[in-house]
Full PDB file with SEQRES, HELIX, SHEET, SSBOND, CRYST1, ORIGX, SCALE, CONECT and MASTER records, all heavy atoms in Angstrom:
SEQRES   1 A   33  CYS PRO VAL VAL GLY ARG VAL CYS MET ASP TYR VAL MET          
SEQRES   2 A   33  VAL SER LEU ASP GLY VAL PRO ASP ALA ALA PRO GLY ASP          
SEQRES   3 A   33  ASP VAL LEU CYS ILE GLY GLU                                  
CRYST1    1.000    1.000    1.000  90.00  90.00  90.00 P 1           1          
ORIGX1      1.000000  0.000000  0.000000        0.00000                         
ORIGX2      0.000000  1.000000  0.000000        0.00000                         
ORIGX3      0.000000  0.000000  1.000000        0.00000                         
SCALE1      1.000000  0.000000  0.000000        0.00000                         
SCALE2      0.000000  1.000000  0.000000        0.00000                         
SCALE3      0.000000  0.000000  1.000000        0.00000                         
ATOM      1  N   CYS A   1       0.859  -1.188   0.000  1.00  0.00           N  
ATOM      2  CA  CYS A   1       0.000   0.000   0.000  1.00  0.00           C  
ATOM      3  C   CYS A   1       0.895   1.238   0.000  1.00  0.00           C  
ATOM      4  O   CYS A   1       1.586   1.511   0.999  1.00  0.00           O  
ATOM      5  CB  CYS A   1      -0.896   0.006   1.238  1.00  0.00           C  
ATOM      6  SG  CYS A   1      -2.023  -1.399   1.325  1.00  0.00           S  
ATOM      7  N   PRO A   2       0.882   2.006  -1.085  1.00  0.00           N  
ATOM      8  CA  PRO A   2       1.758   3.174  -1.174  1.00  0.00           C  
ATOM      9  C   PRO A   2       1.364   4.278  -0.191  1.00  0.00           C  
ATOM     10  O   PRO A   2       0.174   4.499   0.075  1.00  0.00           O  
ATOM     11  CB  PRO A   2       1.566   3.656  -2.617  1.00  0.00           C  
ATOM     12  CG  PRO A   2       0.968   2.498  -3.345  1.00  0.00           C  
ATOM     13  CD  PRO A   2       0.150   1.765  -2.337  1.00  0.00           C  
ATOM     14  N   VAL A   3       2.367   4.959   0.346  1.00  0.00           N  
ATOM     15  CA  VAL A   3       2.138   6.125   1.198  1.00  0.00           C  
ATOM     16  C   VAL A   3       1.662   7.278   0.331  1.00  0.00           C  
ATOM     17  O   VAL A   3       2.237   7.558  -0.725  1.00  0.00           O  
ATOM     18  CB  VAL A   3       3.422   6.515   1.946  1.00  0.00           C  
ATOM     19  CG1 VAL A   3       3.240   7.839   2.693  1.00  0.00           C  
ATOM     20  CG2 VAL A   3       3.828   5.405   2.916  1.00  0.00           C  
ATOM     21  N   VAL A   4       0.613   7.966   0.779  1.00  0.00           N  
ATOM     22  CA  VAL A   4       0.116   9.140   0.062  1.00  0.00           C  
ATOM     23  C   VAL A   4       0.131  10.322   1.028  1.00  0.00           C  
ATOM     24  O   VAL A   4      -0.341  10.229   2.159  1.00  0.00           O  
ATOM     25  CB  VAL A   4      -1.297   8.916  -0.519  1.00  0.00           C  
ATOM     26  CG1 VAL A   4      -1.254   7.923  -1.669  1.00  0.00           C  
ATOM     27  CG2 VAL A   4      -2.277   8.425   0.539  1.00  0.00           C  
ATOM     28  N   GLY A   5       0.690  11.409   0.594  1.00  0.00           N  
ATOM     29  CA  GLY A   5       0.807  12.581   1.446  1.00  0.00           C  
ATOM     30  C   GLY A   5       2.031  12.507   2.335  1.00  0.00           C  
ATOM     31  O   GLY A   5       2.812  11.548   2.305  1.00  0.00           O  
ATOM     32  N   ARG A   6       2.197  13.531   3.143  1.00  0.00           N  
ATOM     33  CA  ARG A   6       3.366  13.643   4.010  1.00  0.00           C  
ATOM     34  C   ARG A   6       3.171  12.815   5.284  1.00  0.00           C  
ATOM     35  O   ARG A   6       2.082  12.804   5.863  1.00  0.00           O  
ATOM     36  CB  ARG A   6       3.593  15.109   4.374  1.00  0.00           C  
ATOM     37  CG  ARG A   6       4.867  15.361   5.180  1.00  0.00           C  
ATOM     38  CD  ARG A   6       4.970  16.815   5.601  1.00  0.00           C  
ATOM     39  NE  ARG A   6       5.079  17.700   4.443  1.00  0.00           N  
ATOM     40  CZ  ARG A   6       5.091  19.034   4.537  1.00  0.00           C  
ATOM     41  NH1 ARG A   6       4.972  19.613   5.725  1.00  0.00           N  
ATOM     42  NH2 ARG A   6       5.203  19.763   3.450  1.00  0.00           N  
ATOM     43  N   VAL A   7       4.229  12.148   5.689  1.00  0.00           N  
ATOM     44  CA  VAL A   7       4.206  11.418   6.968  1.00  0.00           C  
ATOM     45  C   VAL A   7       4.017  12.419   8.106  1.00  0.00           C  
ATOM     46  O   VAL A   7       4.732  13.425   8.192  1.00  0.00           O  
ATOM     47  CB  VAL A   7       5.507  10.628   7.163  1.00  0.00           C  
ATOM     48  CG1 VAL A   7       5.530   9.955   8.537  1.00  0.00           C  
ATOM     49  CG2 VAL A   7       5.688   9.585   6.049  1.00  0.00           C  
ATOM     50  N   CYS A   8       3.058  12.160   8.973  1.00  0.00           N  
ATOM     51  CA  CYS A   8       2.806  13.029  10.125  1.00  0.00           C  
ATOM     52  C   CYS A   8       3.550  12.484  11.347  1.00  0.00           C  
ATOM     53  O   CYS A   8       4.133  11.403  11.312  1.00  0.00           O  
ATOM     54  CB  CYS A   8       1.311  13.092  10.425  1.00  0.00           C  
ATOM     55  SG  CYS A   8       0.260  13.497   9.016  1.00  0.00           S  
ATOM     56  N   MET A   9       3.501  13.219  12.438  1.00  0.00           N  
ATOM     57  CA  MET A   9       4.169  12.763  13.651  1.00  0.00           C  
ATOM     58  C   MET A   9       3.590  11.444  14.158  1.00  0.00           C  
ATOM     59  O   MET A   9       4.333  10.563  14.609  1.00  0.00           O  
ATOM     60  CB  MET A   9       4.069  13.823  14.747  1.00  0.00           C  
ATOM     61  CG  MET A   9       4.789  13.434  16.037  1.00  0.00           C  
ATOM     62  SD  MET A   9       4.639  14.665  17.354  1.00  0.00           S  
ATOM     63  CE  MET A   9       5.632  16.004  16.690  1.00  0.00           C  
ATOM     64  N   ASP A  10       2.257  11.297  14.070  1.00  0.00           N  
ATOM     65  CA  ASP A  10       1.586  10.157  14.677  1.00  0.00           C  
ATOM     66  C   ASP A  10       0.833   9.273  13.685  1.00  0.00           C  
ATOM     67  O   ASP A  10       0.353   8.202  14.077  1.00  0.00           O  
ATOM     68  CB  ASP A  10       0.593  10.638  15.736  1.00  0.00           C  
ATOM     69  CG  ASP A  10       1.217  11.657  16.671  1.00  0.00           C  
ATOM     70  OD1 ASP A  10       2.189  11.311  17.347  1.00  0.00           O  
ATOM     71  OD2 ASP A  10       0.742  12.817  16.689  1.00  0.00           O  
ATOM     72  N   TYR A  11       0.726   9.696  12.456  1.00  0.00           N  
ATOM     73  CA  TYR A  11      -0.045   8.962  11.463  1.00  0.00           C  
ATOM     74  C   TYR A  11       0.645   9.036  10.106  1.00  0.00           C  
ATOM     75  O   TYR A  11       1.428   9.941   9.824  1.00  0.00           O  
ATOM     76  CB  TYR A  11      -1.462   9.539  11.316  1.00  0.00           C  
ATOM     77  CG  TYR A  11      -2.325   9.382  12.548  1.00  0.00           C  
ATOM     78  CD1 TYR A  11      -2.480  10.432  13.449  1.00  0.00           C  
ATOM     79  CD2 TYR A  11      -2.993   8.184  12.810  1.00  0.00           C  
ATOM     80  CE1 TYR A  11      -3.269  10.302  14.579  1.00  0.00           C  
ATOM     81  CE2 TYR A  11      -3.792   8.046  13.939  1.00  0.00           C  
ATOM     82  CZ  TYR A  11      -3.928   9.101  14.817  1.00  0.00           C  
ATOM     83  OH  TYR A  11      -4.708   8.964  15.941  1.00  0.00           O  
ATOM     84  N   VAL A  12       0.274   8.073   9.247  1.00  0.00           N  
ATOM     85  CA  VAL A  12       0.663   8.123   7.842  1.00  0.00           C  
ATOM     86  C   VAL A  12      -0.519   7.582   7.042  1.00  0.00           C  
ATOM     87  O   VAL A  12      -1.187   6.631   7.475  1.00  0.00           O  
ATOM     88  CB  VAL A  12       1.959   7.318   7.578  1.00  0.00           C  
ATOM     89  CG1 VAL A  12       1.774   5.836   7.918  1.00  0.00           C  
ATOM     90  CG2 VAL A  12       2.407   7.465   6.128  1.00  0.00           C  
ATOM     91  N   MET A  13      -0.800   8.220   5.933  1.00  0.00           N  
ATOM     92  CA  MET A  13      -1.923   7.798   5.107  1.00  0.00           C  
ATOM     93  C   MET A  13      -1.429   6.966   3.927  1.00  0.00           C  
ATOM     94  O   MET A  13      -0.359   7.237   3.376  1.00  0.00           O  
ATOM     95  CB  MET A  13      -2.697   9.018   4.601  1.00  0.00           C  
ATOM     96  CG  MET A  13      -3.558   9.679   5.673  1.00  0.00           C  
ATOM     97  SD  MET A  13      -2.603  10.459   7.014  1.00  0.00           S  
ATOM     98  CE  MET A  13      -2.000  11.955   6.208  1.00  0.00           C  
ATOM     99  N   VAL A  14      -2.229   5.946   3.562  1.00  0.00           N  
ATOM    100  CA  VAL A  14      -1.823   5.043   2.487  1.00  0.00           C  
ATOM    101  C   VAL A  14      -3.003   4.774   1.561  1.00  0.00           C  
ATOM    102  O   VAL A  14      -4.172   4.857   1.972  1.00  0.00           O  
ATOM    103  CB  VAL A  14      -1.296   3.702   3.048  1.00  0.00           C  
ATOM    104  CG1 VAL A  14      -0.068   3.937   3.919  1.00  0.00           C  
ATOM    105  CG2 VAL A  14      -2.369   2.946   3.816  1.00  0.00           C  
ATOM    106  N   SER A  15      -2.696   4.459   0.327  1.00  0.00           N  
ATOM    107  CA  SER A  15      -3.728   4.076  -0.629  1.00  0.00           C  
ATOM    108  C   SER A  15      -4.161   2.642  -0.364  1.00  0.00           C  
ATOM    109  O   SER A  15      -3.329   1.738  -0.231  1.00  0.00           O  
ATOM    110  CB  SER A  15      -3.184   4.187  -2.057  1.00  0.00           C  
ATOM    111  OG  SER A  15      -4.091   3.593  -2.969  1.00  0.00           O  
ATOM    112  N   LEU A  16      -5.482   2.429  -0.304  1.00  0.00           N  
ATOM    113  CA  LEU A  16      -6.043   1.095  -0.093  1.00  0.00           C  
ATOM    114  C   LEU A  16      -6.728   0.566  -1.346  1.00  0.00           C  
ATOM    115  O   LEU A  16      -7.500  -0.403  -1.275  1.00  0.00           O  
ATOM    116  CB  LEU A  16      -7.048   1.131   1.066  1.00  0.00           C  
ATOM    117  CG  LEU A  16      -6.480   1.453   2.449  1.00  0.00           C  
ATOM    118  CD1 LEU A  16      -7.606   1.515   3.472  1.00  0.00           C  
ATOM    119  CD2 LEU A  16      -5.442   0.419   2.862  1.00  0.00           C  
ATOM    120  N   ASP A  17      -6.435   1.164  -2.473  1.00  0.00           N  
ATOM    121  CA  ASP A  17      -7.088   0.728  -3.707  1.00  0.00           C  
ATOM    122  C   ASP A  17      -6.822  -0.742  -4.008  1.00  0.00           C  
ATOM    123  O   ASP A  17      -7.665  -1.426  -4.608  1.00  0.00           O  
ATOM    124  CB  ASP A  17      -6.618   1.586  -4.890  1.00  0.00           C  
ATOM    125  CG  ASP A  17      -7.292   2.946  -4.899  1.00  0.00           C  
ATOM    126  OD1 ASP A  17      -8.247   3.132  -4.129  1.00  0.00           O  
ATOM    127  OD2 ASP A  17      -6.856   3.825  -5.666  1.00  0.00           O  
ATOM    128  N   GLY A  18      -5.654  -1.230  -3.568  1.00  0.00           N  
ATOM    129  CA  GLY A  18      -5.332  -2.636  -3.831  1.00  0.00           C  
ATOM    130  C   GLY A  18      -5.762  -3.589  -2.731  1.00  0.00           C  
ATOM    131  O   GLY A  18      -5.533  -4.794  -2.812  1.00  0.00           O  
ATOM    132  N   VAL A  19      -6.409  -3.040  -1.687  1.00  0.00           N  
ATOM    133  CA  VAL A  19      -6.837  -3.879  -0.558  1.00  0.00           C  
ATOM    134  C   VAL A  19      -8.290  -3.515  -0.227  1.00  0.00           C  
ATOM    135  O   VAL A  19      -8.581  -2.866   0.780  1.00  0.00           O  
ATOM    136  CB  VAL A  19      -5.933  -3.659   0.680  1.00  0.00           C  
ATOM    137  CG1 VAL A  19      -6.170  -4.773   1.704  1.00  0.00           C  
ATOM    138  CG2 VAL A  19      -4.474  -3.590   0.298  1.00  0.00           C  
ATOM    139  N   PRO A  20      -9.227  -3.919  -1.058  1.00  0.00           N  
ATOM    140  CA  PRO A  20     -10.618  -3.488  -0.870  1.00  0.00           C  
ATOM    141  C   PRO A  20     -11.248  -3.991   0.425  1.00  0.00           C  
ATOM    142  O   PRO A  20     -12.235  -3.421   0.899  1.00  0.00           O  
ATOM    143  CB  PRO A  20     -11.337  -4.086  -2.089  1.00  0.00           C  
ATOM    144  CG  PRO A  20     -10.455  -5.204  -2.554  1.00  0.00           C  
ATOM    145  CD  PRO A  20      -9.065  -4.775  -2.254  1.00  0.00           C  
ATOM    146  N   ASP A  21     -10.665  -5.065   1.012  1.00  0.00           N  
ATOM    147  CA  ASP A  21     -11.251  -5.610   2.236  1.00  0.00           C  
ATOM    148  C   ASP A  21     -10.589  -5.080   3.504  1.00  0.00           C  
ATOM    149  O   ASP A  21     -10.910  -5.523   4.616  1.00  0.00           O  
ATOM    150  CB  ASP A  21     -11.174  -7.140   2.226  1.00  0.00           C  
ATOM    151  CG  ASP A  21      -9.770  -7.647   1.915  1.00  0.00           C  
ATOM    152  OD1 ASP A  21      -8.907  -6.826   1.517  1.00  0.00           O  
ATOM    153  OD2 ASP A  21      -9.533  -8.861   2.057  1.00  0.00           O  
ATOM    154  N   ALA A  22      -9.651  -4.119   3.384  1.00  0.00           N  
ATOM    155  CA  ALA A  22      -8.971  -3.566   4.564  1.00  0.00           C  
ATOM    156  C   ALA A  22      -9.979  -2.909   5.502  1.00  0.00           C  
ATOM    157  O   ALA A  22     -10.942  -2.270   5.062  1.00  0.00           O  
ATOM    158  CB  ALA A  22      -7.925  -2.557   4.135  1.00  0.00           C  
ATOM    159  N   ALA A  23      -9.730  -3.059   6.819  1.00  0.00           N  
ATOM    160  CA  ALA A  23     -10.668  -2.523   7.812  1.00  0.00           C  
ATOM    161  C   ALA A  23      -9.899  -1.997   9.013  1.00  0.00           C  
ATOM    162  O   ALA A  23      -8.778  -2.445   9.290  1.00  0.00           O  
ATOM    163  CB  ALA A  23     -11.634  -3.624   8.250  1.00  0.00           C  
ATOM    164  N   PRO A  24     -10.464  -1.035   9.723  1.00  0.00           N  
ATOM    165  CA  PRO A  24      -9.809  -0.528  10.929  1.00  0.00           C  
ATOM    166  C   PRO A  24      -9.455  -1.667  11.884  1.00  0.00           C  
ATOM    167  O   PRO A  24     -10.236  -2.605  12.067  1.00  0.00           O  
ATOM    168  CB  PRO A  24     -10.864   0.407  11.540  1.00  0.00           C  
ATOM    169  CG  PRO A  24     -11.661   0.869  10.359  1.00  0.00           C  
ATOM    170  CD  PRO A  24     -11.736  -0.327   9.445  1.00  0.00           C  
ATOM    171  N   GLY A  25      -8.272  -1.568  12.475  1.00  0.00           N  
ATOM    172  CA  GLY A  25      -7.785  -2.614  13.370  1.00  0.00           C  
ATOM    173  C   GLY A  25      -6.865  -3.602  12.693  1.00  0.00           C  
ATOM    174  O   GLY A  25      -6.203  -4.401  13.369  1.00  0.00           O  
ATOM    175  N   ASP A  26      -6.802  -3.583  11.354  1.00  0.00           N  
ATOM    176  CA  ASP A  26      -5.894  -4.484  10.638  1.00  0.00           C  
ATOM    177  C   ASP A  26      -4.444  -4.209  11.035  1.00  0.00           C  
ATOM    178  O   ASP A  26      -4.064  -3.059  11.282  1.00  0.00           O  
ATOM    179  CB  ASP A  26      -6.026  -4.293   9.124  1.00  0.00           C  
ATOM    180  CG  ASP A  26      -7.217  -5.013   8.528  1.00  0.00           C  
ATOM    181  OD1 ASP A  26      -7.911  -5.725   9.272  1.00  0.00           O  
ATOM    182  OD2 ASP A  26      -7.451  -4.857   7.305  1.00  0.00           O  
ATOM    183  N   ASP A  27      -3.649  -5.286  11.048  1.00  0.00           N  
ATOM    184  CA  ASP A  27      -2.211  -5.117  11.222  1.00  0.00           C  
ATOM    185  C   ASP A  27      -1.616  -4.449   9.988  1.00  0.00           C  
ATOM    186  O   ASP A  27      -2.030  -4.721   8.853  1.00  0.00           O  
ATOM    187  CB  ASP A  27      -1.526  -6.470  11.419  1.00  0.00           C  
ATOM    188  CG  ASP A  27      -1.721  -7.035  12.817  1.00  0.00           C  
ATOM    189  OD1 ASP A  27      -1.979  -6.238  13.741  1.00  0.00           O  
ATOM    190  OD2 ASP A  27      -1.625  -8.253  12.980  1.00  0.00           O  
ATOM    191  N   VAL A  28      -0.650  -3.582  10.237  1.00  0.00           N  
ATOM    192  CA  VAL A  28       0.078  -2.905   9.159  1.00  0.00           C  
ATOM    193  C   VAL A  28       1.560  -3.182   9.367  1.00  0.00           C  
ATOM    194  O   VAL A  28       2.125  -2.867  10.412  1.00  0.00           O  
ATOM    195  CB  VAL A  28      -0.173  -1.383   9.177  1.00  0.00           C  
ATOM    196  CG1 VAL A  28       0.643  -0.703   8.080  1.00  0.00           C  
ATOM    197  CG2 VAL A  28      -1.650  -1.082   9.011  1.00  0.00           C  
ATOM    198  N   LEU A  29       2.179  -3.801   8.374  1.00  0.00           N  
ATOM    199  CA  LEU A  29       3.622  -4.033   8.437  1.00  0.00           C  
ATOM    200  C   LEU A  29       4.340  -2.811   7.879  1.00  0.00           C  
ATOM    201  O   LEU A  29       4.230  -2.505   6.686  1.00  0.00           O  
ATOM    202  CB  LEU A  29       4.012  -5.268   7.628  1.00  0.00           C  
ATOM    203  CG  LEU A  29       3.902  -6.635   8.293  1.00  0.00           C  
ATOM    204  CD1 LEU A  29       4.375  -7.712   7.332  1.00  0.00           C  
ATOM    205  CD2 LEU A  29       4.714  -6.685   9.564  1.00  0.00           C  
ATOM    206  N   CYS A  30       5.050  -2.117   8.755  1.00  0.00           N  
ATOM    207  CA  CYS A  30       5.862  -0.987   8.304  1.00  0.00           C  
ATOM    208  C   CYS A  30       7.237  -1.473   7.871  1.00  0.00           C  
ATOM    209  O   CYS A  30       7.814  -0.974   6.905  1.00  0.00           O  
ATOM    210  CB  CYS A  30       5.995   0.045   9.426  1.00  0.00           C  
ATOM    211  SG  CYS A  30       4.415   0.719   9.968  1.00  0.00           S  
ATOM    212  N   ILE A  31       7.784  -2.439   8.625  1.00  0.00           N  
ATOM    213  CA  ILE A  31       8.991  -3.160   8.241  1.00  0.00           C  
ATOM    214  C   ILE A  31       8.698  -4.633   8.451  1.00  0.00           C  
ATOM    215  O   ILE A  31       8.232  -5.040   9.518  1.00  0.00           O  
ATOM    216  CB  ILE A  31      10.214  -2.754   9.089  1.00  0.00           C  
ATOM    217  CG1 ILE A  31      10.608  -1.306   8.809  1.00  0.00           C  
ATOM    218  CG2 ILE A  31      11.402  -3.671   8.801  1.00  0.00           C  
ATOM    219  CD1 ILE A  31      11.762  -0.813   9.671  1.00  0.00           C  
ATOM    220  N   GLY A  32       8.948  -5.438   7.425  1.00  0.00           N  
ATOM    221  CA  GLY A  32       8.708  -6.863   7.552  1.00  0.00           C  
ATOM    222  C   GLY A  32       8.327  -7.483   6.234  1.00  0.00           C  
ATOM    223  O   GLY A  32       8.415  -6.842   5.170  1.00  0.00           O  
ATOM    224  N   GLU A  33       7.896  -8.745   6.291  1.00  0.00           N  
ATOM    225  CA  GLU A  33       7.549  -9.489   5.078  1.00  0.00           C  
ATOM    226  C   GLU A  33       6.223 -10.203   5.277  1.00  0.00           C  
ATOM    227  O   GLU A  33       5.941 -10.740   6.347  1.00  0.00           O  
ATOM    228  CB  GLU A  33       8.652 -10.506   4.767  1.00  0.00           C  
ATOM    229  CG  GLU A  33       8.478 -11.256   3.454  1.00  0.00           C  
ATOM    230  CD  GLU A  33       7.587 -12.481   3.562  1.00  0.00           C  
ATOM    231  OE1 GLU A  33       7.503 -13.055   4.668  1.00  0.00           O  
ATOM    232  OE2 GLU A  33       6.949 -12.855   2.551  1.00  0.00           O  
TER     233      GLU A  33                                                      
MASTER        0    0    0    0    0    0    0    6  232    1    0    3          
END                                                                             
């Protein structure tokens, strides 16, 4: 999921166009596989 916009202190926004089933509470891998 590509980052869109500027990284904030506490949040970062990402495009979910490729993950139509994504929902709040999902795990997000910032570093990992």
